Amino acid sequence: MAFIDDLAMELFTLSLVGVVSIYMTGTVYMAYRHGVRDMEEVLKPGVFPLGALGAVITIMGIYGEMTWPLQAAITYFSTIRI
């Protein structure tokens, strides 16, 4: 199986997490300024996108750890020992 570097997708996903987090922070701030005190209700719409992005990041991390091409050369320093 050939190794495909997915660094671009990882960086895009991390930047998307940052954008969603900033958007959610701004939404909470605006709701608080308008007198809404139940922040759990304000944050509920952002739970699924952040959870989905977290799952994608976890899958990419596990995939990257399992398919790293230099596994035999740096086995001593690798997280997963063969």
PDB file of N, CA and C in Angstrom:
ATOM      1  N   MET A   1       0.852  -1.180   0.000  1.00  0.00           N
ATOM      2  CA  MET A   1       0.000   0.000   0.000  1.00  0.00           C
ATOM      3  C   MET A   1       0.893   1.236   0.000  1.00  0.00           C
ATOM      4  N   ALA A   2       0.636   2.133  -0.880  1.00  0.00           N
ATOM      5  CA  ALA A   2       1.436   3.347  -0.995  1.00  0.00           C
ATOM      6  C   ALA A   2       1.060   4.340   0.094  1.00  0.00           C
ATOM      7  N   PHE A   3       2.047   5.074   0.537  1.00  0.00           N
ATOM      8  CA  PHE A   3       1.797   6.107   1.545  1.00  0.00           C
ATOM      9  C   PHE A   3       1.356   7.392   0.862  1.00  0.00           C
ATOM     10  N   ILE A   4       0.242   7.933   1.296  1.00  0.00           N
ATOM     11  CA  ILE A   4      -0.261   9.198   0.764  1.00  0.00           C
ATOM     12  C   ILE A   4      -0.228  10.211   1.899  1.00  0.00           C
ATOM     13  N   ASP A   5       0.508  11.274   1.708  1.00  0.00           N
ATOM     14  CA  ASP A   5       0.635  12.293   2.748  1.00  0.00           C
ATOM     15  C   ASP A   5      -0.641  13.124   2.801  1.00  0.00           C
ATOM     16  N   ASP A   6      -1.278  13.138   3.948  1.00  0.00           N
ATOM     17  CA  ASP A   6      -2.529  13.875   4.096  1.00  0.00           C
ATOM     18  C   ASP A   6      -2.349  15.123   4.962  1.00  0.00           C
ATOM     19  N   LEU A   7      -1.156  15.702   4.917  1.00  0.00           N
ATOM     20  CA  LEU A   7      -0.872  16.876   5.729  1.00  0.00           C
ATOM     21  C   LEU A   7      -1.778  18.049   5.370  1.00  0.00           C
ATOM     22  N   ALA A   8      -2.052  18.246   4.088  1.00  0.00           N
ATOM     23  CA  ALA A   8      -2.911  19.355   3.677  1.00  0.00           C
ATOM     24  C   ALA A   8      -4.308  19.212   4.268  1.00  0.00           C
ATOM     25  N   MET A   9      -4.847  18.004   4.255  1.00  0.00           N
ATOM     26  CA  MET A   9      -6.172  17.792   4.836  1.00  0.00           C
ATOM     27  C   MET A   9      -6.147  17.978   6.351  1.00  0.00           C
ATOM     28  N   GLU A  10      -5.072  17.540   6.996  1.00  0.00           N
ATOM     29  CA  GLU A  10      -4.961  17.725   8.440  1.00  0.00           C
ATOM     30  C   GLU A  10      -4.921  19.213   8.796  1.00  0.00           C
ATOM     31  N   LEU A  11      -4.138  19.982   8.057  1.00  0.00           N
ATOM     32  CA  LEU A  11      -4.048  21.415   8.341  1.00  0.00           C
ATOM     33  C   LEU A  11      -5.366  22.123   8.046  1.00  0.00           C
ATOM     34  N   PHE A  12      -6.041  21.733   6.966  1.00  0.00           N
ATOM     35  CA  PHE A  12      -7.338  22.328   6.663  1.00  0.00           C
ATOM     36  C   PHE A  12      -8.351  21.999   7.756  1.00  0.00           C
ATOM     37  N   THR A  13      -8.348  20.752   8.231  1.00  0.00           N
ATOM     38  CA  THR A  13      -9.283  20.343   9.278  1.00  0.00           C
ATOM     39  C   THR A  13      -9.018  21.108  10.570  1.00  0.00           C
ATOM     40  N   LEU A  14      -7.752  21.281  10.929  1.00  0.00           N
ATOM     41  CA  LEU A  14      -7.432  22.040  12.143  1.00  0.00           C
ATOM     42  C   LEU A  14      -7.846  23.497  12.020  1.00  0.00           C
ATOM     43  N   SER A  15      -7.662  24.083  10.832  1.00  0.00           N
ATOM     44  CA  SER A  15      -8.103  25.471  10.647  1.00  0.00           C
ATOM     45  C   SER A  15      -9.625  25.564  10.680  1.00  0.00           C
ATOM     46  N   LEU A  16     -10.311  24.546  10.171  1.00  0.00           N
ATOM     47  CA  LEU A  16     -11.772  24.534  10.233  1.00  0.00           C
ATOM     48  C   LEU A  16     -12.255  24.425  11.679  1.00  0.00           C
ATOM     49  N   VAL A  17     -11.567  23.654  12.499  1.00  0.00           N
ATOM     50  CA  VAL A  17     -11.905  23.581  13.928  1.00  0.00           C
ATOM     51  C   VAL A  17     -11.752  24.957  14.571  1.00  0.00           C
ATOM     52  N   GLY A  18     -10.691  25.667  14.212  1.00  0.00           N
ATOM     53  CA  GLY A  18     -10.490  27.017  14.741  1.00  0.00           C
ATOM     54  C   GLY A  18     -11.593  27.964  14.327  1.00  0.00           C
ATOM     55  N   VAL A  19     -12.014  27.888  13.072  1.00  0.00           N
ATOM     56  CA  VAL A  19     -13.089  28.763  12.587  1.00  0.00           C
ATOM     57  C   VAL A  19     -14.401  28.451  13.301  1.00  0.00           C
ATOM     58  N   VAL A  20     -14.725  27.172  13.443  1.00  0.00           N
ATOM     59  CA  VAL A  20     -15.961  26.792  14.138  1.00  0.00           C
ATOM     60  C   VAL A  20     -15.910  27.229  15.600  1.00  0.00           C
ATOM     61  N   SER A  21     -14.764  27.084  16.238  1.00  0.00           N
ATOM     62  CA  SER A  21     -14.631  27.497  17.643  1.00  0.00           C
ATOM     63  C   SER A  21     -14.782  29.007  17.799  1.00  0.00           C
ATOM     64  N   ILE A  22     -14.185  29.774  16.904  1.00  0.00           N
ATOM     65  CA  ILE A  22     -14.328  31.232  16.958  1.00  0.00           C
ATOM     66  C   ILE A  22     -15.774  31.633  16.696  1.00  0.00           C
ATOM     67  N   TYR A  23     -16.424  30.971  15.737  1.00  0.00           N
ATOM     68  CA  TYR A  23     -17.833  31.263  15.454  1.00  0.00           C
ATOM     69  C   TYR A  23     -18.705  30.965  16.674  1.00  0.00           C
ATOM     70  N   MET A  24     -18.452  29.831  17.331  1.00  0.00           N
ATOM     71  CA  MET A  24     -19.240  29.485  18.515  1.00  0.00           C
ATOM     72  C   MET A  24     -18.982  30.463  19.654  1.00  0.00           C
ATOM     73  N   THR A  25     -17.746  30.886  19.822  1.00  0.00           N
ATOM     74  CA  THR A  25     -17.428  31.868  20.860  1.00  0.00           C
ATOM     75  C   THR A  25     -18.148  33.184  20.590  1.00  0.00           C
ATOM     76  N   GLY A  26     -18.153  33.626  19.341  1.00  0.00           N
ATOM     77  CA  GLY A  26     -18.859  34.852  18.976  1.00  0.00           C
ATOM     78  C   GLY A  26     -20.358  34.731  19.178  1.00  0.00           C
ATOM     79  N   THR A  27     -20.909  33.562  18.857  1.00  0.00           N
ATOM     80  CA  THR A  27     -22.341  33.333  19.058  1.00  0.00           C
ATOM     81  C   THR A  27     -22.701  33.410  20.535  1.00  0.00           C
ATOM     82  N   VAL A  28     -21.888  32.795  21.384  1.00  0.00           N
ATOM     83  CA  VAL A  28     -22.147  32.835  22.833  1.00  0.00           C
ATOM     84  C   VAL A  28     -22.025  34.266  23.346  1.00  0.00           C
ATOM     85  N   TYR A  29     -21.031  34.982  22.867  1.00  0.00           N
ATOM     86  CA  TYR A  29     -20.838  36.375  23.301  1.00  0.00           C
ATOM     87  C   TYR A  29     -22.033  37.241  22.914  1.00  0.00           C
ATOM     88  N   MET A  30     -22.493  37.097  21.674  1.00  0.00           N
ATOM     89  CA  MET A  30     -23.630  37.906  21.225  1.00  0.00           C
ATOM     90  C   MET A  30     -24.907  37.526  21.974  1.00  0.00           C
ATOM     91  N   ALA A  31     -25.111  36.236  22.226  1.00  0.00           N
ATOM     92  CA  ALA A  31     -26.295  35.805  22.966  1.00  0.00           C
ATOM     93  C   ALA A  31     -26.248  36.332  24.401  1.00  0.00           C
ATOM     94  N   TYR A  32     -25.075  36.312  25.014  1.00  0.00           N
ATOM     95  CA  TYR A  32     -24.941  36.811  26.385  1.00  0.00           C
ATOM     96  C   TYR A  32     -25.213  38.315  26.448  1.00  0.00           C
ATOM     97  N   ARG A  33     -24.744  39.038  25.431  1.00  0.00           N
ATOM     98  CA  ARG A  33     -24.987  40.486  25.404  1.00  0.00           C
ATOM     99  C   ARG A  33     -26.463  40.808  25.230  1.00  0.00           C
ATOM    100  N   HIS A  34     -27.213  39.913  24.581  1.00  0.00           N
ATOM    101  CA  HIS A  34     -28.642  40.136  24.377  1.00  0.00           C
ATOM    102  C   HIS A  34     -29.490  39.570  25.508  1.00  0.00           C
ATOM    103  N   GLY A  35     -28.857  39.106  26.566  1.00  0.00           N
ATOM    104  CA  GLY A  35     -29.583  38.696  27.761  1.00  0.00           C
ATOM    105  C   GLY A  35     -29.867  37.209  27.884  1.00  0.00           C
ATOM    106  N   VAL A  36     -29.418  36.398  26.972  1.00  0.00           N
ATOM    107  CA  VAL A  36     -29.632  34.956  27.077  1.00  0.00           C
ATOM    108  C   VAL A  36     -28.640  34.398  28.097  1.00  0.00           C
ATOM    109  N   ARG A  37     -29.160  33.688  29.098  1.00  0.00           N
ATOM    110  CA  ARG A  37     -28.286  33.168  30.150  1.00  0.00           C
ATOM    111  C   ARG A  37     -28.091  31.654  30.061  1.00  0.00           C
ATOM    112  N   ASP A  38     -28.864  30.981  29.218  1.00  0.00           N
ATOM    113  CA  ASP A  38     -28.741  29.531  29.067  1.00  0.00           C
ATOM    114  C   ASP A  38     -27.749  29.233  27.942  1.00  0.00           C
ATOM    115  N   MET A  39     -26.471  29.218  28.288  1.00  0.00           N
ATOM    116  CA  MET A  39     -25.419  29.048  27.287  1.00  0.00           C
ATOM    117  C   MET A  39     -25.378  27.634  26.713  1.00  0.00           C
ATOM    118  N   GLU A  40     -25.902  26.666  27.447  1.00  0.00           N
ATOM    119  CA  GLU A  40     -25.927  25.300  26.931  1.00  0.00           C
ATOM    120  C   GLU A  40     -26.797  25.220  25.675  1.00  0.00           C
ATOM    121  N   GLU A  41     -27.907  25.911  25.672  1.00  0.00           N
ATOM    122  CA  GLU A  41     -28.770  25.932  24.493  1.00  0.00           C
ATOM    123  C   GLU A  41     -28.103  26.648  23.324  1.00  0.00           C
ATOM    124  N   VAL A  42     -27.315  27.661  23.618  1.00  0.00           N
ATOM    125  CA  VAL A  42     -26.628  28.397  22.559  1.00  0.00           C
ATOM    126  C   VAL A  42     -25.522  27.543  21.941  1.00  0.00           C
ATOM    127  N   LEU A  43     -24.858  26.710  22.748  1.00  0.00           N
ATOM    128  CA  LEU A  43     -23.746  25.895  22.267  1.00  0.00           C
ATOM    129  C   LEU A  43     -24.175  24.587  21.592  1.00  0.00           C
ATOM    130  N   LYS A  44     -25.424  24.157  21.781  1.00  0.00           N
ATOM    131  CA  LYS A  44     -25.866  22.872  21.240  1.00  0.00           C
ATOM    132  C   LYS A  44     -25.704  22.742  19.724  1.00  0.00           C
ATOM    133  N   PRO A  45     -25.978  23.774  18.918  1.00  0.00           N
ATOM    134  CA  PRO A  45     -25.802  23.596  17.465  1.00  0.00           C
ATOM    135  C   PRO A  45     -24.356  23.351  17.043  1.00  0.00           C
ATOM    136  N   GLY A  46     -23.383  23.710  17.860  1.00  0.00           N
ATOM    137  CA  GLY A  46     -21.986  23.526  17.488  1.00  0.00           C
ATOM    138  C   GLY A  46     -21.382  22.225  17.962  1.00  0.00           C
ATOM    139  N   VAL A  47     -22.156  21.426  18.707  1.00  0.00           N
ATOM    140  CA  VAL A  47     -21.613  20.178  19.250  1.00  0.00           C
ATOM    141  C   VAL A  47     -21.343  19.165  18.144  1.00  0.00           C
ATOM    142  N   PHE A  48     -22.283  18.988  17.231  1.00  0.00           N
ATOM    143  CA  PHE A  48     -22.097  17.997  16.175  1.00  0.00           C
ATOM    144  C   PHE A  48     -20.932  18.342  15.241  1.00  0.00           C
ATOM    145  N   PRO A  49     -20.818  19.591  14.745  1.00  0.00           N
ATOM    146  CA  PRO A  49     -19.673  19.880  13.864  1.00  0.00           C
ATOM    147  C   PRO A  49     -18.316  19.661  14.543  1.00  0.00           C
ATOM    148  N   LEU A  50     -18.186  20.090  15.781  1.00  0.00           N
ATOM    149  CA  LEU A  50     -16.908  19.900  16.475  1.00  0.00           C
ATOM    150  C   LEU A  50     -16.651  18.423  16.780  1.00  0.00           C
ATOM    151  N   GLY A  51     -17.698  17.686  17.112  1.00  0.00           N
ATOM    152  CA  GLY A  51     -17.535  16.247  17.346  1.00  0.00           C
ATOM    153  C   GLY A  51     -17.149  15.503  16.077  1.00  0.00           C
ATOM    154  N   ALA A  52     -17.759  15.874  14.959  1.00  0.00           N
ATOM    155  CA  ALA A  52     -17.427  15.243  13.684  1.00  0.00           C
ATOM    156  C   ALA A  52     -15.991  15.565  13.274  1.00  0.00           C
ATOM    157  N   LEU A  53     -15.592  16.816  13.450  1.00  0.00           N
ATOM    158  CA  LEU A  53     -14.214  17.190  13.124  1.00  0.00           C
ATOM    159  C   LEU A  53     -13.224  16.484  14.045  1.00  0.00           C
ATOM    160  N   GLY A  54     -13.579  16.328  15.311  1.00  0.00           N
ATOM    161  CA  GLY A  54     -12.718  15.586  16.236  1.00  0.00           C
ATOM    162  C   GLY A  54     -12.571  14.126  15.833  1.00  0.00           C
ATOM    163  N   ALA A  55     -13.659  13.528  15.357  1.00  0.00           N
ATOM    164  CA  ALA A  55     -13.588  12.144  14.886  1.00  0.00           C
ATOM    165  C   ALA A  55     -12.705  12.037  13.646  1.00  0.00           C
ATOM    166  N   VAL A  56     -12.825  12.998  12.733  1.00  0.00           N
ATOM    167  CA  VAL A  56     -11.992  13.000  11.524  1.00  0.00           C
ATOM    168  C   VAL A  56     -10.518  13.142  11.901  1.00  0.00           C
ATOM    169  N   ILE A  57     -10.214  14.041  12.830  1.00  0.00           N
ATOM    170  CA  ILE A  57      -8.829  14.245  13.258  1.00  0.00           C
ATOM    171  C   ILE A  57      -8.278  12.985  13.927  1.00  0.00           C
ATOM    172  N   THR A  58      -9.098  12.318  14.734  1.00  0.00           N
ATOM    173  CA  THR A  58      -8.667  11.079  15.389  1.00  0.00           C
ATOM    174  C   THR A  58      -8.387   9.983  14.365  1.00  0.00           C
ATOM    175  N   ILE A  59      -9.271   9.832  13.391  1.00  0.00           N
ATOM    176  CA  ILE A  59      -9.070   8.808  12.358  1.00  0.00           C
ATOM    177  C   ILE A  59      -7.820   9.113  11.544  1.00  0.00           C
ATOM    178  N   MET A  60      -7.622  10.378  11.174  1.00  0.00           N
ATOM    179  CA  MET A  60      -6.420  10.736  10.414  1.00  0.00           C
ATOM    180  C   MET A  60      -5.159  10.494  11.232  1.00  0.00           C
ATOM    181  N   GLY A  61      -5.211  10.756  12.534  1.00  0.00           N
ATOM    182  CA  GLY A  61      -4.050  10.523  13.381  1.00  0.00           C
ATOM    183  C   GLY A  61      -3.707   9.053  13.494  1.00  0.00           C
ATOM    184  N   ILE A  62      -4.713   8.219  13.686  1.00  0.00           N
ATOM    185  CA  ILE A  62      -4.469   6.778  13.777  1.00  0.00           C
ATOM    186  C   ILE A  62      -3.965   6.246  12.441  1.00  0.00           C
ATOM    187  N   TYR A  63      -4.570   6.684  11.343  1.00  0.00           N
ATOM    188  CA  TYR A  63      -4.129   6.253  10.016  1.00  0.00           C
ATOM    189  C   TYR A  63      -2.682   6.682   9.748  1.00  0.00           C
ATOM    190  N   GLY A  64      -2.365   7.911  10.113  1.00  0.00           N
ATOM    191  CA  GLY A  64      -1.006   8.391   9.906  1.00  0.00           C
ATOM    192  C   GLY A  64       0.014   7.648  10.740  1.00  0.00           C
ATOM    193  N   GLU A  65      -0.364   7.275  11.943  1.00  0.00           N
ATOM    194  CA  GLU A  65       0.557   6.528  12.807  1.00  0.00           C
ATOM    195  C   GLU A  65       0.781   5.114  12.290  1.00  0.00           C
ATOM    196  N   MET A  66      -0.250   4.515  11.723  1.00  0.00           N
ATOM    197  CA  MET A  66      -0.140   3.140  11.233  1.00  0.00           C
ATOM    198  C   MET A  66       0.569   3.037   9.876  1.00  0.00           C
ATOM    199  N   THR A  67       0.548   4.095   9.082  1.00  0.00           N
ATOM    200  CA  THR A  67       1.088   3.999   7.719  1.00  0.00           C
ATOM    201  C   THR A  67       2.320   4.859   7.501  1.00  0.00           C
ATOM    202  N   TRP A  68       2.931   5.361   8.546  1.00  0.00           N
ATOM    203  CA  TRP A  68       4.107   6.220   8.372  1.00  0.00           C
ATOM    204  C   TRP A  68       5.209   5.432   7.673  1.00  0.00           C
ATOM    205  N   PRO A  69       5.811   5.959   6.595  1.00  0.00           N
ATOM    206  CA  PRO A  69       6.746   5.166   5.794  1.00  0.00           C
ATOM    207  C   PRO A  69       8.077   4.861   6.476  1.00  0.00           C
ATOM    208  N   LEU A  70       8.477   5.593   7.474  1.00  0.00           N
ATOM    209  CA  LEU A  70       9.763   5.367   8.122  1.00  0.00           C
ATOM    210  C   LEU A  70       9.637   4.521   9.381  1.00  0.00           C
ATOM    211  N   GLN A  71       8.605   3.724   9.467  1.00  0.00           N
ATOM    212  CA  GLN A  71       8.340   2.948  10.672  1.00  0.00           C
ATOM    213  C   GLN A  71       9.497   2.021  11.013  1.00  0.00           C
ATOM    214  N   ALA A  72      10.084   1.348  10.032  1.00  0.00           N
ATOM    215  CA  ALA A  72      11.169   0.404  10.311  1.00  0.00           C
ATOM    216  C   ALA A  72      12.455   1.124  10.697  1.00  0.00           C
ATOM    217  N   ALA A  73      12.662   2.317  10.148  1.00  0.00           N
ATOM    218  CA  ALA A  73      13.907   3.038  10.413  1.00  0.00           C
ATOM    219  C   ALA A  73      13.912   3.685  11.795  1.00  0.00           C
ATOM    220  N   ILE A  74      12.763   4.079  12.302  1.00  0.00           N
ATOM    221  CA  ILE A  74      12.723   4.777  13.601  1.00  0.00           C
ATOM    222  C   ILE A  74      11.819   4.047  14.584  1.00  0.00           C
ATOM    223  N   THR A  75      11.844   2.737  14.566  1.00  0.00           N
ATOM    224  CA  THR A  75      10.977   1.943  15.433  1.00  0.00           C
ATOM    225  C   THR A  75      11.208   2.285  16.902  1.00  0.00           C
ATOM    226  N   TYR A  76      12.433   2.577  17.266  1.00  0.00           N
ATOM    227  CA  TYR A  76      12.730   2.856  18.671  1.00  0.00           C
ATOM    228  C   TYR A  76      11.995   4.106  19.157  1.00  0.00           C
ATOM    229  N   PHE A  77      11.829   5.100  18.293  1.00  0.00           N
ATOM    230  CA  PHE A  77      11.206   6.359  18.683  1.00  0.00           C
ATOM    231  C   PHE A  77       9.717   6.409  18.371  1.00  0.00           C
ATOM    232  N   SER A  78       9.183   5.381  17.766  1.00  0.00           N
ATOM    233  CA  SER A  78       7.788   5.376  17.370  1.00  0.00           C
ATOM    234  C   SER A  78       6.871   5.136  18.570  1.00  0.00           C
ATOM    235  N   THR A  79       5.664   5.642  18.476  1.00  0.00           N
ATOM    236  CA  THR A  79       4.679   5.441  19.539  1.00  0.00           C
ATOM    237  C   THR A  79       4.245   3.999  19.592  1.00  0.00           C
ATOM    238  N   ILE A  80       4.049   3.393  18.432  1.00  0.00           N
ATOM    239  CA  ILE A  80       3.616   2.005  18.353  1.00  0.00           C
ATOM    240  C   ILE A  80       4.821   1.146  18.017  1.00  0.00           C
ATOM    241  N   ARG A  81       5.185   0.278  18.930  1.00  0.00           N
ATOM    242  CA  ARG A  81       6.341  -0.583  18.714  1.00  0.00           C
ATOM    243  C   ARG A  81       5.891  -1.862  18.012  1.00  0.00           C
ATOM    244  N   ILE A  82       6.687  -2.275  17.053  1.00  0.00           N
ATOM    245  CA  ILE A  82       6.367  -3.501  16.317  1.00  0.00           C
ATOM    246  C   ILE A  82       7.132  -4.655  16.931  1.00  0.00           C
TER     247      ILE A  82
END
